[in-house]
């Protein structure tokens, strides 16, 4: 699978958030603020996982259809990946 710039930029943004959280912790910032930022990072990770899985699924289903294969198993695998990530 190819990871496009949008996916990479999402991960870079999350990386920046995590660095910011670490700085907040080193500066003994308020617990609520740290948890809020951790939650935002988790949401970013969850959305990135969804984007990657859905992009890969579209690619795999397209290939399966071109080869005359049933894509049901691919869909099940994608759903399982999403469930495991939660």
Protein backbone atom coordinates (compact mmCIF):
# COMPACT_ATOMS: atom_id res chain seq x y z
CA UNK A 1 0.00 0.00 0.00
CA UNK A 2 1.15 3.51 -0.74
CA UNK A 3 0.88 6.00 2.10
CA UNK A 4 0.07 9.41 0.64
CA UNK A 5 1.16 12.79 1.96
CA UNK A 6 -2.18 13.31 3.72
CA UNK A 7 -1.63 10.18 5.84
CA UNK A 8 1.98 11.10 6.60
CA UNK A 9 0.99 14.66 7.55
CA UNK A 10 -1.62 13.32 9.96
CA UNK A 11 1.05 11.25 11.71
CA UNK A 12 3.42 14.22 11.82
CA UNK A 13 0.65 16.34 13.38
CA UNK A 14 0.06 13.66 16.02
CA UNK A 15 3.79 13.49 16.67
CA UNK A 16 3.77 17.24 17.30
CA UNK A 17 0.82 16.89 19.66
CA UNK A 18 2.63 14.21 21.63
CA UNK A 19 5.77 16.33 21.91
CA UNK A 20 3.58 19.17 23.17
CA UNK A 21 1.99 16.88 25.74
CA UNK A 22 5.38 15.78 26.98
CA UNK A 23 6.40 19.43 27.34
CA UNK A 24 3.19 20.13 29.26
CA UNK A 25 4.01 17.26 31.62
CA UNK A 26 7.57 18.50 32.12
CA UNK A 27 6.13 21.92 32.98
CA UNK A 28 3.66 20.31 35.42
CA UNK A 29 0.63 21.68 33.60
CA UNK A 30 -2.87 21.00 34.85
CA UNK A 31 -4.07 17.39 34.63
CA UNK A 32 -7.22 18.35 32.71
CA UNK A 33 -5.20 20.10 30.03
CA UNK A 34 -2.85 17.13 29.61
CA UNK A 35 -5.72 14.63 29.43
CA UNK A 36 -7.55 16.83 26.93
CA UNK A 37 -4.51 16.84 24.66
CA UNK A 38 -3.99 13.09 25.09
CA UNK A 39 -7.60 12.55 24.10
CA UNK A 40 -7.15 14.73 21.01
CA UNK A 41 -4.08 12.71 20.05
CA UNK A 42 -5.97 9.45 20.47
CA UNK A 43 -8.76 10.78 18.25
CA UNK A 44 -6.18 11.73 15.63
CA UNK A 45 -4.68 8.25 15.76
CA UNK A 46 -8.11 6.61 15.49
CA UNK A 47 -9.01 8.70 12.46
CA UNK A 48 -5.68 7.94 10.82
CA UNK A 49 -6.23 4.22 11.37
CA UNK A 50 -9.66 4.53 9.77
CA UNK A 51 -8.24 6.41 6.80
CA UNK A 52 -5.49 3.84 6.23
CA UNK A 53 -7.80 0.84 6.59
CA UNK A 54 -10.48 2.33 4.32
CA UNK A 55 -7.97 3.37 1.66
CA UNK A 56 -6.41 -0.08 1.71
CA UNK A 57 -9.84 -1.73 1.58
CA UNK A 58 -10.87 0.27 -1.48
CA UNK A 59 -7.62 -0.70 -3.19
CA UNK A 60 -7.98 -4.39 -2.29
CA UNK A 61 -11.65 -4.60 -3.29
CA UNK A 62 -10.90 -2.97 -6.62
CA UNK A 63 -8.12 -5.52 -7.28
CA UNK A 64 -10.34 -8.42 -6.20
CA UNK A 65 -13.12 -7.27 -8.54
CA UNK A 66 -10.68 -6.95 -11.43
CA UNK A 67 -9.54 -10.53 -10.79
CA UNK A 68 -13.10 -11.81 -10.41
CA UNK A 69 -12.62 -12.68 -6.74
CA UNK A 70 -15.11 -12.28 -3.88
CA UNK A 71 -14.25 -9.28 -1.69
CA UNK A 72 -16.33 -10.36 1.34
CA UNK A 73 -13.32 -11.72 3.21
CA UNK A 74 -11.39 -8.50 2.60
CA UNK A 75 -14.23 -6.48 4.11
CA UNK A 76 -14.32 -8.78 7.16
CA UNK A 77 -10.57 -8.38 7.63
CA UNK A 78 -10.86 -4.59 7.43
CA UNK A 79 -13.66 -4.53 9.97
CA UNK A 80 -11.62 -6.75 12.30
CA UNK A 81 -8.65 -4.39 11.99
CA UNK A 82 -10.84 -1.46 12.98
CA UNK A 83 -12.34 -3.36 15.91
CA UNK A 84 -8.91 -4.41 17.16
CA UNK A 85 -7.67 -0.83 17.00
CA UNK A 86 -10.28 0.24 19.55
